[in-house]
């Protein structure tokens, strides 16, 4: 989306992921069209809360947000034990999956991420 603020137009994505800070960056949908603000969620719980609170709207954007939240949870895990990692990811998945319980896109997006992750044999 192109946004013009003080006569300067810049392109923004509705949802992005900053790997350096392990944060999800969201356009705060509840403020549009009167105000433009980017919200950064610092962990998967904050990302789930953003989904619940409707900071992000639209099926595709919600799905992308949940997938990035799953990545946040995976990246935040410390350790090398695959069983503990799997248990941690189950918690992350459930937290994000229940953020908008009637939506299908978050579950589909997270299933795609989990499918790709299942091909790995280690945590790192």
PDB file of N, CA and C in Angstrom:
ATOM      1  N   UNK A   1       0.844  -1.154   0.000  1.00  0.00           N
ATOM      2  CA  UNK A   1       0.000   0.000   0.000  1.00  0.00           C
ATOM      3  C   UNK A   1       0.899   1.229   0.000  1.00  0.00           C
ATOM      4  N   UNK A   2       0.540   2.210  -0.791  1.00  0.00           N
ATOM      5  CA  UNK A   2       1.256   3.479  -0.801  1.00  0.00           C
ATOM      6  C   UNK A   2       0.582   4.436   0.169  1.00  0.00           C
ATOM      7  N   UNK A   3       1.386   5.054   1.010  1.00  0.00           N
ATOM      8  CA  UNK A   3       0.867   5.965   2.025  1.00  0.00           C
ATOM      9  C   UNK A   3       1.561   7.303   1.861  1.00  0.00           C
ATOM     10  N   UNK A   4       0.768   8.365   1.868  1.00  0.00           N
ATOM     11  CA  UNK A   4       1.323   9.711   1.770  1.00  0.00           C
ATOM     12  C   UNK A   4       1.137  10.415   3.102  1.00  0.00           C
ATOM     13  N   UNK A   5       2.243  10.822   3.699  1.00  0.00           N
ATOM     14  CA  UNK A   5       2.241  11.568   4.944  1.00  0.00           C
ATOM     15  C   UNK A   5       3.075  12.817   4.720  1.00  0.00           C
ATOM     16  N   UNK A   6       2.476  13.965   4.962  1.00  0.00           N
ATOM     17  CA  UNK A   6       3.151  15.253   4.742  1.00  0.00           C
ATOM     18  C   UNK A   6       3.766  15.344   3.340  1.00  0.00           C
ATOM     19  N   UNK A   7       2.981  14.956   2.371  1.00  0.00           N
ATOM     20  CA  UNK A   7       3.332  15.019   0.952  1.00  0.00           C
ATOM     21  C   UNK A   7       4.455  14.081   0.522  1.00  0.00           C
ATOM     22  N   UNK A   8       4.823  13.154   1.386  1.00  0.00           N
ATOM     23  CA  UNK A   8       5.826  12.143   1.043  1.00  0.00           C
ATOM     24  C   UNK A   8       5.119  10.798   0.935  1.00  0.00           C
ATOM     25  N   UNK A   9       5.245  10.165  -0.230  1.00  0.00           N
ATOM     26  CA  UNK A   9       4.608   8.874  -0.462  1.00  0.00           C
ATOM     27  C   UNK A   9       5.634   7.767  -0.308  1.00  0.00           C
ATOM     28  N   UNK A  10       5.247   6.754   0.445  1.00  0.00           N
ATOM     29  CA  UNK A  10       6.126   5.623   0.700  1.00  0.00           C
ATOM     30  C   UNK A  10       5.303   4.342   0.632  1.00  0.00           C
ATOM     31  N   UNK A  11       5.936   3.270   0.158  1.00  0.00           N
ATOM     32  CA  UNK A  11       5.250   1.981   0.070  1.00  0.00           C
ATOM     33  C   UNK A  11       5.388   1.222   1.388  1.00  0.00           C
ATOM     34  N   UNK A  12       4.285   0.672   1.862  1.00  0.00           N
ATOM     35  CA  UNK A  12       4.260  -0.143   3.081  1.00  0.00           C
ATOM     36  C   UNK A  12       3.536  -1.441   2.777  1.00  0.00           C
ATOM     37  N   UNK A  13       3.999  -2.508   3.403  1.00  0.00           N
ATOM     38  CA  UNK A  13       3.265  -3.771   3.373  1.00  0.00           C
ATOM     39  C   UNK A  13       2.387  -3.819   4.616  1.00  0.00           C
ATOM     40  N   UNK A  14       1.238  -4.419   4.505  1.00  0.00           N
ATOM     41  CA  UNK A  14       0.319  -4.508   5.634  1.00  0.00           C
ATOM     42  C   UNK A  14       0.951  -5.262   6.799  1.00  0.00           C
ATOM     43  N   UNK A  15       1.703  -6.329   6.476  1.00  0.00           N
ATOM     44  CA  UNK A  15       2.374  -7.151   7.482  1.00  0.00           C
ATOM     45  C   UNK A  15       3.779  -7.464   6.983  1.00  0.00           C
ATOM     46  N   UNK A  16       4.779  -7.237   7.829  1.00  0.00           N
ATOM     47  CA  UNK A  16       6.156  -7.610   7.495  1.00  0.00           C
ATOM     48  C   UNK A  16       6.814  -8.204   8.738  1.00  0.00           C
ATOM     49  N   UNK A  17       7.967  -8.817   8.502  1.00  0.00           N
ATOM     50  CA  UNK A  17       8.713  -9.432   9.593  1.00  0.00           C
ATOM     51  C   UNK A  17      10.124  -8.864   9.603  1.00  0.00           C
ATOM     52  N   UNK A  18      10.568  -8.422  10.763  1.00  0.00           N
ATOM     53  CA  UNK A  18      11.928  -7.925  10.932  1.00  0.00           C
ATOM     54  C   UNK A  18      12.722  -8.989  11.674  1.00  0.00           C
ATOM     55  N   UNK A  19      13.549  -9.721  10.942  1.00  0.00           N
ATOM     56  CA  UNK A  19      14.313 -10.829  11.527  1.00  0.00           C
ATOM     57  C   UNK A  19      15.306 -10.334  12.570  1.00  0.00           C
ATOM     58  N   UNK A  20      15.873  -9.173  12.360  1.00  0.00           N
ATOM     59  CA  UNK A  20      16.880  -8.654  13.294  1.00  0.00           C
ATOM     60  C   UNK A  20      16.301  -8.468  14.699  1.00  0.00           C
ATOM     61  N   UNK A  21      15.092  -7.952  14.783  1.00  0.00           N
ATOM     62  CA  UNK A  21      14.460  -7.726  16.091  1.00  0.00           C
ATOM     63  C   UNK A  21      13.433  -8.808  16.434  1.00  0.00           C
ATOM     64  N   UNK A  22      13.249  -9.769  15.531  1.00  0.00           N
ATOM     65  CA  UNK A  22      12.258 -10.836  15.699  1.00  0.00           C
ATOM     66  C   UNK A  22      10.881 -10.242  15.997  1.00  0.00           C
ATOM     67  N   UNK A  23      10.523  -9.218  15.224  1.00  0.00           N
ATOM     68  CA  UNK A  23       9.228  -8.557  15.450  1.00  0.00           C
ATOM     69  C   UNK A  23       8.386  -8.580  14.180  1.00  0.00           C
ATOM     70  N   UNK A  24       7.086  -8.599  14.394  1.00  0.00           N
ATOM     71  CA  UNK A  24       6.130  -8.483  13.299  1.00  0.00           C
ATOM     72  C   UNK A  24       5.708  -7.020  13.247  1.00  0.00           C
ATOM     73  N   UNK A  25       5.757  -6.443  12.063  1.00  0.00           N
ATOM     74  CA  UNK A  25       5.394  -5.040  11.857  1.00  0.00           C
ATOM     75  C   UNK A  25       4.034  -4.999  11.153  1.00  0.00           C
ATOM     76  N   UNK A  26       3.091  -4.311  11.761  1.00  0.00           N
ATOM     77  CA  UNK A  26       1.717  -4.273  11.254  1.00  0.00           C
ATOM     78  C   UNK A  26       1.240  -2.838  11.071  1.00  0.00           C
ATOM     79  N   UNK A  27       0.501  -2.616   9.998  1.00  0.00           N
ATOM     80  CA  UNK A  27      -0.211  -1.351   9.880  1.00  0.00           C
ATOM     81  C   UNK A  27      -1.416  -1.449  10.810  1.00  0.00           C
ATOM     82  N   UNK A  28      -1.546  -0.505  11.712  1.00  0.00           N
ATOM     83  CA  UNK A  28      -2.636  -0.480  12.690  1.00  0.00           C
ATOM     84  C   UNK A  28      -3.941  -0.152  11.953  1.00  0.00           C
ATOM     85  N   UNK A  29      -4.695  -1.201  11.635  1.00  0.00           N
ATOM     86  CA  UNK A  29      -5.900  -1.069  10.816  1.00  0.00           C
ATOM     87  C   UNK A  29      -7.022  -0.291  11.498  1.00  0.00           C
ATOM     88  N   UNK A  30      -7.060  -0.311  12.811  1.00  0.00           N
ATOM     89  CA  UNK A  30      -8.168   0.337  13.515  1.00  0.00           C
ATOM     90  C   UNK A  30      -8.127   1.858  13.405  1.00  0.00           C
ATOM     91  N   UNK A  31      -6.970   2.398  13.043  1.00  0.00           N
ATOM     92  CA  UNK A  31      -6.831   3.845  12.955  1.00  0.00           C
ATOM     93  C   UNK A  31      -7.128   4.396  11.566  1.00  0.00           C
ATOM     94  N   UNK A  32      -7.090   3.523  10.575  1.00  0.00           N
ATOM     95  CA  UNK A  32      -7.290   3.962   9.196  1.00  0.00           C
ATOM     96  C   UNK A  32      -8.737   4.386   8.981  1.00  0.00           C
ATOM     97  N   UNK A  33      -9.034   5.352   8.174  1.00  0.00           N
ATOM     98  CA  UNK A  33      -8.157   6.102   7.285  1.00  0.00           C
ATOM     99  C   UNK A  33      -7.647   7.416   7.873  1.00  0.00           C
ATOM    100  N   UNK A  34      -7.965   7.672   9.132  1.00  0.00           N
ATOM    101  CA  UNK A  34      -7.650   8.979   9.717  1.00  0.00           C
ATOM    102  C   UNK A  34      -6.226   9.107  10.230  1.00  0.00           C
ATOM    103  N   UNK A  35      -5.644   7.992  10.593  1.00  0.00           N
ATOM    104  CA  UNK A  35      -4.286   8.011  11.135  1.00  0.00           C
ATOM    105  C   UNK A  35      -3.533   6.798  10.621  1.00  0.00           C
ATOM    106  N   UNK A  36      -2.231   6.969  10.400  1.00  0.00           N
ATOM    107  CA  UNK A  36      -1.383   5.872   9.934  1.00  0.00           C
ATOM    108  C   UNK A  36      -0.314   5.598  10.984  1.00  0.00           C
ATOM    109  N   UNK A  37      -0.241   4.329  11.388  1.00  0.00           N
ATOM    110  CA  UNK A  37       0.724   3.951  12.418  1.00  0.00           C
ATOM    111  C   UNK A  37       1.181   2.517  12.178  1.00  0.00           C
ATOM    112  N   UNK A  38       2.476   2.270  12.380  1.00  0.00           N
ATOM    113  CA  UNK A  38       3.031   0.921  12.325  1.00  0.00           C
ATOM    114  C   UNK A  38       3.190   0.436  13.761  1.00  0.00           C
ATOM    115  N   UNK A  39       2.700  -0.772  14.020  1.00  0.00           N
ATOM    116  CA  UNK A  39       2.819  -1.403  15.330  1.00  0.00           C
ATOM    117  C   UNK A  39       3.790  -2.564  15.204  1.00  0.00           C
ATOM    118  N   UNK A  40       4.715  -2.676  16.149  1.00  0.00           N
ATOM    119  CA  UNK A  40       5.662  -3.794  16.163  1.00  0.00           C
ATOM    120  C   UNK A  40       5.325  -4.702  17.338  1.00  0.00           C
ATOM    121  N   UNK A  41       5.098  -5.970  17.056  1.00  0.00           N
ATOM    122  CA  UNK A  41       4.876  -6.933  18.132  1.00  0.00           C
ATOM    123  C   UNK A  41       6.197  -7.647  18.375  1.00  0.00           C
ATOM    124  N   UNK A  42       6.591  -7.754  19.626  1.00  0.00           N
ATOM    125  CA  UNK A  42       7.928  -8.247  19.996  1.00  0.00           C
ATOM    126  C   UNK A  42       7.993  -9.746  20.269  1.00  0.00           C
ATOM    127  N   UNK A  43       6.826 -10.406  20.394  1.00  0.00           N
ATOM    128  CA  UNK A  43       6.823 -11.851  20.625  1.00  0.00           C
ATOM    129  C   UNK A  43       5.497 -12.424  20.132  1.00  0.00           C
ATOM    130  N   UNK A  44       5.402 -13.745  20.091  1.00  0.00           N
ATOM    131  CA  UNK A  44       4.211 -14.377  19.521  1.00  0.00           C
ATOM    132  C   UNK A  44       2.948 -14.070  20.323  1.00  0.00           C
ATOM    133  N   UNK A  45       3.077 -13.832  21.622  1.00  0.00           N
ATOM    134  CA  UNK A  45       1.897 -13.494  22.420  1.00  0.00           C
ATOM    135  C   UNK A  45       1.351 -12.115  22.026  1.00  0.00           C
ATOM    136  N   UNK A  46       2.248 -11.163  21.828  1.00  0.00           N
ATOM    137  CA  UNK A  46       1.812  -9.844  21.369  1.00  0.00           C
ATOM    138  C   UNK A  46       1.212  -9.929  19.969  1.00  0.00           C
ATOM    139  N   UNK A  47       1.773 -10.789  19.139  1.00  0.00           N
ATOM    140  CA  UNK A  47       1.246 -10.960  17.789  1.00  0.00           C
ATOM    141  C   UNK A  47      -0.160 -11.555  17.846  1.00  0.00           C
ATOM    142  N   UNK A  48      -0.365 -12.546  18.694  1.00  0.00           N
ATOM    143  CA  UNK A  48      -1.702 -13.125  18.876  1.00  0.00           C
ATOM    144  C   UNK A  48      -2.678 -12.060  19.375  1.00  0.00           C
ATOM    145  N   UNK A  49      -2.244 -11.232  20.291  1.00  0.00           N
ATOM    146  CA  UNK A  49      -3.094 -10.165  20.822  1.00  0.00           C
ATOM    147  C   UNK A  49      -3.464  -9.175  19.711  1.00  0.00           C
ATOM    148  N   UNK A  50      -2.523  -8.882  18.821  1.00  0.00           N
ATOM    149  CA  UNK A  50      -2.819  -7.976  17.703  1.00  0.00           C
ATOM    150  C   UNK A  50      -3.891  -8.570  16.784  1.00  0.00           C
ATOM    151  N   UNK A  51      -3.851  -9.890  16.601  1.00  0.00           N
ATOM    152  CA  UNK A  51      -4.879 -10.561  15.803  1.00  0.00           C
ATOM    153  C   UNK A  51      -6.226 -10.475  16.526  1.00  0.00           C
ATOM    154  N   UNK A  52      -6.234 -10.798  17.809  1.00  0.00           N
ATOM    155  CA  UNK A  52      -7.471 -10.771  18.601  1.00  0.00           C
ATOM    156  C   UNK A  52      -8.080  -9.374  18.634  1.00  0.00           C
ATOM    157  N   UNK A  53      -7.228  -8.377  18.848  1.00  0.00           N
ATOM    158  CA  UNK A  53      -7.699  -7.000  18.987  1.00  0.00           C
ATOM    159  C   UNK A  53      -7.997  -6.320  17.654  1.00  0.00           C
ATOM    160  N   UNK A  54      -7.821  -7.056  16.556  1.00  0.00           N
ATOM    161  CA  UNK A  54      -8.111  -6.573  15.207  1.00  0.00           C
ATOM    162  C   UNK A  54      -7.215  -5.423  14.774  1.00  0.00           C
ATOM    163  N   UNK A  55      -5.992  -5.420  15.286  1.00  0.00           N
ATOM    164  CA  UNK A  55      -4.989  -4.487  14.771  1.00  0.00           C
ATOM    165  C   UNK A  55      -4.774  -4.787  13.293  1.00  0.00           C
ATOM    166  N   UNK A  56      -4.804  -6.074  12.976  1.00  0.00           N
ATOM    167  CA  UNK A  56      -4.666  -6.544  11.599  1.00  0.00           C
ATOM    168  C   UNK A  56      -6.011  -7.116  11.158  1.00  0.00           C
ATOM    169  N   UNK A  57      -6.392  -6.796   9.919  1.00  0.00           N
ATOM    170  CA  UNK A  57      -7.681  -7.254   9.397  1.00  0.00           C
ATOM    171  C   UNK A  57      -7.494  -7.784   7.992  1.00  0.00           C
ATOM    172  N   UNK A  58      -8.418  -8.634   7.599  1.00  0.00           N
ATOM    173  CA  UNK A  58      -8.370  -9.224   6.270  1.00  0.00           C
ATOM    174  C   UNK A  58      -7.753 -10.608   6.343  1.00  0.00           C
ATOM    175  N   UNK A  59      -8.370 -11.555   5.667  1.00  0.00           N
ATOM    176  CA  UNK A  59      -7.970 -12.955   5.773  1.00  0.00           C
ATOM    177  C   UNK A  59      -6.489 -13.182   5.468  1.00  0.00           C
ATOM    178  N   UNK A  60      -6.024 -12.651   4.357  1.00  0.00           N
ATOM    179  CA  UNK A  60      -4.627 -12.851   3.978  1.00  0.00           C
ATOM    180  C   UNK A  60      -3.658 -12.237   4.970  1.00  0.00           C
ATOM    181  N   UNK A  61      -3.970 -11.043   5.440  1.00  0.00           N
ATOM    182  CA  UNK A  61      -3.098 -10.356   6.399  1.00  0.00           C
ATOM    183  C   UNK A  61      -3.083 -11.079   7.743  1.00  0.00           C
ATOM    184  N   UNK A  62      -4.222 -11.601   8.140  1.00  0.00           N
ATOM    185  CA  UNK A  62      -4.284 -12.348   9.397  1.00  0.00           C
ATOM    186  C   UNK A  62      -3.470 -13.630   9.275  1.00  0.00           C
ATOM    187  N   UNK A  63      -3.588 -14.299   8.138  1.00  0.00           N
ATOM    188  CA  UNK A  63      -2.804 -15.510   7.905  1.00  0.00           C
ATOM    189  C   UNK A  63      -1.315 -15.240   7.934  1.00  0.00           C
ATOM    190  N   UNK A  64      -0.888 -14.186   7.259  1.00  0.00           N
ATOM    191  CA  UNK A  64       0.533 -13.824   7.247  1.00  0.00           C
ATOM    192  C   UNK A  64       1.009 -13.470   8.653  1.00  0.00           C
ATOM    193  N   UNK A  65       0.192 -12.768   9.405  1.00  0.00           N
ATOM    194  CA  UNK A  65       0.547 -12.387  10.764  1.00  0.00           C
ATOM    195  C   UNK A  65       0.738 -13.630  11.637  1.00  0.00           C
ATOM    196  N   UNK A  66      -0.165 -14.600  11.519  1.00  0.00           N
ATOM    197  CA  UNK A  66      -0.047 -15.839  12.297  1.00  0.00           C
ATOM    198  C   UNK A  66       1.213 -16.612  11.907  1.00  0.00           C
ATOM    199  N   UNK A  67       1.504 -16.674  10.613  1.00  0.00           N
ATOM    200  CA  UNK A  67       2.714 -17.377  10.159  1.00  0.00           C
ATOM    201  C   UNK A  67       3.969 -16.697  10.694  1.00  0.00           C
ATOM    202  N   UNK A  68       4.005 -15.381  10.644  1.00  0.00           N
ATOM    203  CA  UNK A  68       5.148 -14.654  11.208  1.00  0.00           C
ATOM    204  C   UNK A  68       5.220 -14.845  12.723  1.00  0.00           C
ATOM    205  N   UNK A  69       4.068 -14.889  13.379  1.00  0.00           N
ATOM    206  CA  UNK A  69       4.045 -15.145  14.826  1.00  0.00           C
ATOM    207  C   UNK A  69       4.611 -16.515  15.157  1.00  0.00           C
ATOM    208  N   UNK A  70       4.321 -17.495  14.325  1.00  0.00           N
ATOM    209  CA  UNK A  70       4.879 -18.831  14.511  1.00  0.00           C
ATOM    210  C   UNK A  70       6.400 -18.792  14.358  1.00  0.00           C
ATOM    211  N   UNK A  71       6.861 -18.043  13.369  1.00  0.00           N
ATOM    212  CA  UNK A  71       8.311 -17.878  13.181  1.00  0.00           C
ATOM    213  C   UNK A  71       8.926 -17.173  14.386  1.00  0.00           C
ATOM    214  N   UNK A  72       8.240 -16.169  14.917  1.00  0.00           N
ATOM    215  CA  UNK A  72       8.717 -15.481  16.124  1.00  0.00           C
ATOM    216  C   UNK A  72       8.918 -16.475  17.255  1.00  0.00           C
ATOM    217  N   UNK A  73       7.926 -17.312  17.466  1.00  0.00           N
ATOM    218  CA  UNK A  73       8.007 -18.304  18.540  1.00  0.00           C
ATOM    219  C   UNK A  73       9.154 -19.266  18.333  1.00  0.00           C
ATOM    220  N   UNK A  74       9.340 -19.721  17.109  1.00  0.00           N
ATOM    221  CA  UNK A  74      10.434 -20.655  16.805  1.00  0.00           C
ATOM    222  C   UNK A  74      11.783 -19.985  17.038  1.00  0.00           C
ATOM    223  N   UNK A  75      11.921 -18.762  16.577  1.00  0.00           N
ATOM    224  CA  UNK A  75      13.201 -18.044  16.709  1.00  0.00           C
ATOM    225  C   UNK A  75      13.518 -17.691  18.155  1.00  0.00           C
ATOM    226  N   UNK A  76      12.495 -17.558  18.988  1.00  0.00           N
ATOM    227  CA  UNK A  76      12.705 -17.194  20.392  1.00  0.00           C
ATOM    228  C   UNK A  76      13.118 -18.391  21.246  1.00  0.00           C
ATOM    229  N   UNK A  77      12.899 -19.600  20.751  1.00  0.00           N
ATOM    230  CA  UNK A  77      13.236 -20.796  21.527  1.00  0.00           C
ATOM    231  C   UNK A  77      14.743 -20.860  21.754  1.00  0.00           C
ATOM    232  N   UNK A  78      15.111 -21.184  22.985  1.00  0.00           N
ATOM    233  CA  UNK A  78      16.523 -21.349  23.326  1.00  0.00           C
ATOM    234  C   UNK A  78      16.751 -22.792  23.732  1.00  0.00           C
ATOM    235  N   UNK A  79      17.700 -23.423  23.118  1.00  0.00           N
ATOM    236  CA  UNK A  79      17.994 -24.809  23.420  1.00  0.00           C
ATOM    237  C   UNK A  79      18.119 -25.620  22.150  1.00  0.00           C
ATOM    238  N   UNK A  80      18.420 -26.896  22.333  1.00  0.00           N
ATOM    239  CA  UNK A  80      18.611 -27.781  21.188  1.00  0.00           C
ATOM    240  C   UNK A  80      17.757 -29.042  21.264  1.00  0.00           C
ATOM    241  N   UNK A  81      17.005 -29.194  22.351  1.00  0.00           N
ATOM    242  CA  UNK A  81      16.200 -30.391  22.560  1.00  0.00           C
ATOM    243  C   UNK A  81      14.972 -30.349  21.651  1.00  0.00           C
ATOM    244  N   UNK A  82      14.888 -31.306  20.740  1.00  0.00           N
ATOM    245  CA  UNK A  82      13.818 -31.331  19.752  1.00  0.00           C
ATOM    246  C   UNK A  82      12.443 -31.550  20.393  1.00  0.00           C
ATOM    247  N   UNK A  83      12.365 -32.369  21.432  1.00  0.00           N
ATOM    248  CA  UNK A  83      11.080 -32.588  22.110  1.00  0.00           C
ATOM    249  C   UNK A  83      10.592 -31.314  22.798  1.00  0.00           C
ATOM    250  N   UNK A  84      11.501 -30.608  23.471  1.00  0.00           N
ATOM    251  CA  UNK A  84      11.123 -29.348  24.127  1.00  0.00           C
ATOM    252  C   UNK A  84      10.728 -28.302  23.086  1.00  0.00           C
ATOM    253  N   UNK A  85      11.440 -28.294  21.971  1.00  0.00           N
ATOM    254  CA  UNK A  85      11.103 -27.364  20.896  1.00  0.00           C
ATOM    255  C   UNK A  85       9.699 -27.664  20.366  1.00  0.00           C
ATOM    256  N   UNK A  86       9.403 -28.941  20.142  1.00  0.00           N
ATOM    257  CA  UNK A  86       8.081 -29.332  19.638  1.00  0.00           C
ATOM    258  C   UNK A  86       6.984 -28.928  20.624  1.00  0.00           C
ATOM    259  N   UNK A  87       7.221 -29.131  21.910  1.00  0.00           N
ATOM    260  CA  UNK A  87       6.240 -28.742  22.928  1.00  0.00           C
ATOM    261  C   UNK A  87       6.052 -27.222  22.938  1.00  0.00           C
ATOM    262  N   UNK A  88       7.144 -26.499  22.816  1.00  0.00           N
ATOM    263  CA  UNK A  88       7.085 -25.033  22.752  1.00  0.00           C
ATOM    264  C   UNK A  88       6.280 -24.585  21.533  1.00  0.00           C
ATOM    265  N   UNK A  89       6.539 -25.208  20.387  1.00  0.00           N
ATOM    266  CA  UNK A  89       5.841 -24.819  19.164  1.00  0.00           C
ATOM    267  C   UNK A  89       4.357 -25.153  19.224  1.00  0.00           C
ATOM    268  N   UNK A  90       3.994 -26.174  19.945  1.00  0.00           N
ATOM    269  CA  UNK A  90       2.577 -26.504  20.120  1.00  0.00           C
ATOM    270  C   UNK A  90       1.875 -25.392  20.888  1.00  0.00           C
ATOM    271  N   UNK A  91       2.535 -24.857  21.901  1.00  0.00           N
ATOM    272  CA  UNK A  91       1.981 -23.735  22.672  1.00  0.00           C
ATOM    273  C   UNK A  91       1.844 -22.504  21.786  1.00  0.00           C
ATOM    274  N   UNK A  92       2.886 -22.215  21.008  1.00  0.00           N
ATOM    275  CA  UNK A  92       2.859 -21.064  20.105  1.00  0.00           C
ATOM    276  C   UNK A  92       1.709 -21.213  19.107  1.00  0.00           C
ATOM    277  N   UNK A  93       1.602 -22.400  18.515  1.00  0.00           N
ATOM    278  CA  UNK A  93       0.547 -22.681  17.533  1.00  0.00           C
ATOM    279  C   UNK A  93      -0.838 -22.480  18.141  1.00  0.00           C
ATOM    280  N   UNK A  94      -1.062 -23.030  19.319  1.00  0.00           N
ATOM    281  CA  UNK A  94      -2.374 -22.904  19.968  1.00  0.00           C
ATOM    282  C   UNK A  94      -2.684 -21.450  20.316  1.00  0.00           C
ATOM    283  N   UNK A  95      -1.687 -20.729  20.800  1.00  0.00           N
ATOM    284  CA  UNK A  95      -1.883 -19.321  21.150  1.00  0.00           C
ATOM    285  C   UNK A  95      -2.315 -18.515  19.929  1.00  0.00           C
ATOM    286  N   UNK A  96      -1.620 -18.705  18.828  1.00  0.00           N
ATOM    287  CA  UNK A  96      -1.947 -17.964  17.612  1.00  0.00           C
ATOM    288  C   UNK A  96      -3.236 -18.475  16.970  1.00  0.00           C
ATOM    289  N   UNK A  97      -3.458 -19.772  17.038  1.00  0.00           N
ATOM    290  CA  UNK A  97      -4.643 -20.361  16.430  1.00  0.00           C
ATOM    291  C   UNK A  97      -5.937 -19.959  17.107  1.00  0.00           C
ATOM    292  N   UNK A  98      -5.875 -19.676  18.389  1.00  0.00           N
ATOM    293  CA  UNK A  98      -7.085 -19.272  19.115  1.00  0.00           C
ATOM    294  C   UNK A  98      -7.279 -17.755  19.141  1.00  0.00           C
ATOM    295  N   UNK A  99      -6.353 -17.022  18.546  1.00  0.00           N
ATOM    296  CA  UNK A  99      -6.464 -15.560  18.535  1.00  0.00           C
ATOM    297  C   UNK A  99      -7.690 -15.097  17.745  1.00  0.00           C
ATOM    298  N   UNK A 100      -8.015 -15.793  16.684  1.00  0.00           N
ATOM    299  CA  UNK A 100      -9.227 -15.511  15.898  1.00  0.00           C
ATOM    300  C   UNK A 100      -9.811 -16.877  15.548  1.00  0.00           C
ATOM    301  N   UNK A 101     -10.555 -17.478  16.481  1.00  0.00           N
ATOM    302  CA  UNK A 101     -10.943 -18.884  16.373  1.00  0.00           C
ATOM    303  C   UNK A 101     -11.787 -19.261  15.161  1.00  0.00           C
ATOM    304  N   UNK A 102     -12.493 -18.317  14.578  1.00  0.00           N
ATOM    305  CA  UNK A 102     -13.328 -18.663  13.423  1.00  0.00           C
ATOM    306  C   UNK A 102     -12.599 -18.514  12.094  1.00  0.00           C
ATOM    307  N   UNK A 103     -11.406 -17.959  12.118  1.00  0.00           N
ATOM    308  CA  UNK A 103     -10.650 -17.729  10.876  1.00  0.00           C
ATOM    309  C   UNK A 103      -9.877 -18.980  10.473  1.00  0.00           C
ATOM    310  N   UNK A 104      -9.901 -19.279   9.196  1.00  0.00           N
ATOM    311  CA  UNK A 104      -9.213 -20.449   8.666  1.00  0.00           C
ATOM    312  C   UNK A 104      -7.809 -20.092   8.170  1.00  0.00           C
ATOM    313  N   UNK A 105      -7.630 -18.894   7.646  1.00  0.00           N
ATOM    314  CA  UNK A 105      -6.345 -18.509   7.061  1.00  0.00           C
ATOM    315  C   UNK A 105      -5.162 -18.599   8.024  1.00  0.00           C
ATOM    316  N   UNK A 106      -5.304 -18.215   9.290  1.00  0.00           N
ATOM    317  CA  UNK A 106      -4.152 -18.353  10.190  1.00  0.00           C
ATOM    318  C   UNK A 106      -3.716 -19.811  10.341  1.00  0.00           C
ATOM    319  N   UNK A 107      -4.678 -20.709  10.454  1.00  0.00           N
ATOM    320  CA  UNK A 107      -4.340 -22.127  10.602  1.00  0.00           C
ATOM    321  C   UNK A 107      -3.683 -22.661   9.335  1.00  0.00           C
ATOM    322  N   UNK A 108      -4.231 -22.311   8.187  1.00  0.00           N
ATOM    323  CA  UNK A 108      -3.631 -22.759   6.928  1.00  0.00           C
ATOM    324  C   UNK A 108      -2.206 -22.234   6.768  1.00  0.00           C
ATOM    325  N   UNK A 109      -1.994 -20.979   7.093  1.00  0.00           N
ATOM    326  CA  UNK A 109      -0.661 -20.384   6.970  1.00  0.00           C
ATOM    327  C   UNK A 109       0.319 -21.056   7.932  1.00  0.00           C
ATOM    328  N   UNK A 110      -0.120 -21.280   9.165  1.00  0.00           N
ATOM    329  CA  UNK A 110       0.768 -21.923  10.138  1.00  0.00           C
ATOM    330  C   UNK A 110       1.043 -23.372   9.758  1.00  0.00           C
ATOM    331  N   UNK A 111       0.069 -24.062   9.170  1.00  0.00           N
ATOM    332  CA  UNK A 111       0.302 -25.440   8.722  1.00  0.00           C
ATOM    333  C   UNK A 111       1.381 -25.479   7.642  1.00  0.00           C
ATOM    334  N   UNK A 112       1.386 -24.494   6.763  1.00  0.00           N
ATOM    335  CA  UNK A 112       2.419 -24.437   5.727  1.00  0.00           C
ATOM    336  C   UNK A 112       3.801 -24.244   6.351  1.00  0.00           C
ATOM    337  N   UNK A 113       3.892 -23.394   7.351  1.00  0.00           N
ATOM    338  CA  UNK A 113       5.167 -23.171   8.032  1.00  0.00           C
ATOM    339  C   UNK A 113       5.598 -24.437   8.771  1.00  0.00           C
ATOM    340  N   UNK A 114       4.677 -25.053   9.484  1.00  0.00           N
ATOM    341  CA  UNK A 114       5.004 -26.279  10.227  1.00  0.00           C
ATOM    342  C   UNK A 114       5.412 -27.403   9.283  1.00  0.00           C
ATOM    343  N   UNK A 115       4.782 -27.492   8.128  1.00  0.00           N
ATOM    344  CA  UNK A 115       5.140 -28.501   7.140  1.00  0.00           C
ATOM    345  C   UNK A 115       6.583 -28.311   6.680  1.00  0.00           C
ATOM    346  N   UNK A 116       6.952 -27.069   6.409  1.00  0.00           N
ATOM    347  CA  UNK A 116       8.337 -26.782   6.002  1.00  0.00           C
ATOM    348  C   UNK A 116       9.307 -27.072   7.136  1.00  0.00           C
ATOM    349  N   UNK A 117       8.915 -26.738   8.358  1.00  0.00           N
ATOM    350  CA  UNK A 117       9.791 -26.981   9.502  1.00  0.00           C
ATOM    351  C   UNK A 117       9.975 -28.474   9.769  1.00  0.00           C
ATOM    352  N   UNK A 118       8.954 -29.268   9.469  1.00  0.00           N
ATOM    353  CA  UNK A 118       9.010 -30.710   9.743  1.00  0.00           C
ATOM    354  C   UNK A 118      10.091 -31.411   8.919  1.00  0.00           C
ATOM    355  N   UNK A 119      10.546 -30.774   7.872  1.00  0.00           N
ATOM    356  CA  UNK A 119      11.596 -31.347   7.035  1.00  0.00           C
ATOM    357  C   UNK A 119      12.957 -31.292   7.721  1.00  0.00           C
ATOM    358  N   UNK A 120      13.063 -30.448   8.741  1.00  0.00           N
ATOM    359  CA  UNK A 120      14.325 -30.330   9.490  1.00  0.00           C
ATOM    360  C   UNK A 120      14.484 -31.445  10.493  1.00  0.00           C
ATOM    361  N   UNK A 121      15.721 -31.672  10.893  1.00  0.00           N
ATOM    362  CA  UNK A 121      15.994 -32.741  11.871  1.00  0.00           C
ATOM    363  C   UNK A 121      16.621 -32.202  13.157  1.00  0.00           C
ATOM    364  N   UNK A 122      16.919 -30.909  13.193  1.00  0.00           N
ATOM    365  CA  UNK A 122      17.468 -30.299  14.409  1.00  0.00           C
ATOM    366  C   UNK A 122      16.730 -29.007  14.681  1.00  0.00           C
ATOM    367  N   UNK A 123      16.955 -28.482  15.866  1.00  0.00           N
ATOM    368  CA  UNK A 123      16.329 -27.212  16.247  1.00  0.00           C
ATOM    369  C   UNK A 123      17.045 -26.039  15.577  1.00  0.00           C
ATOM    370  N   UNK A 124      18.344 -26.104  15.469  1.00  0.00           N
ATOM    371  CA  UNK A 124      19.095 -24.978  14.899  1.00  0.00           C
ATOM    372  C   UNK A 124      19.160 -25.019  13.408  1.00  0.00           C
TER     373      UNK A 124
END
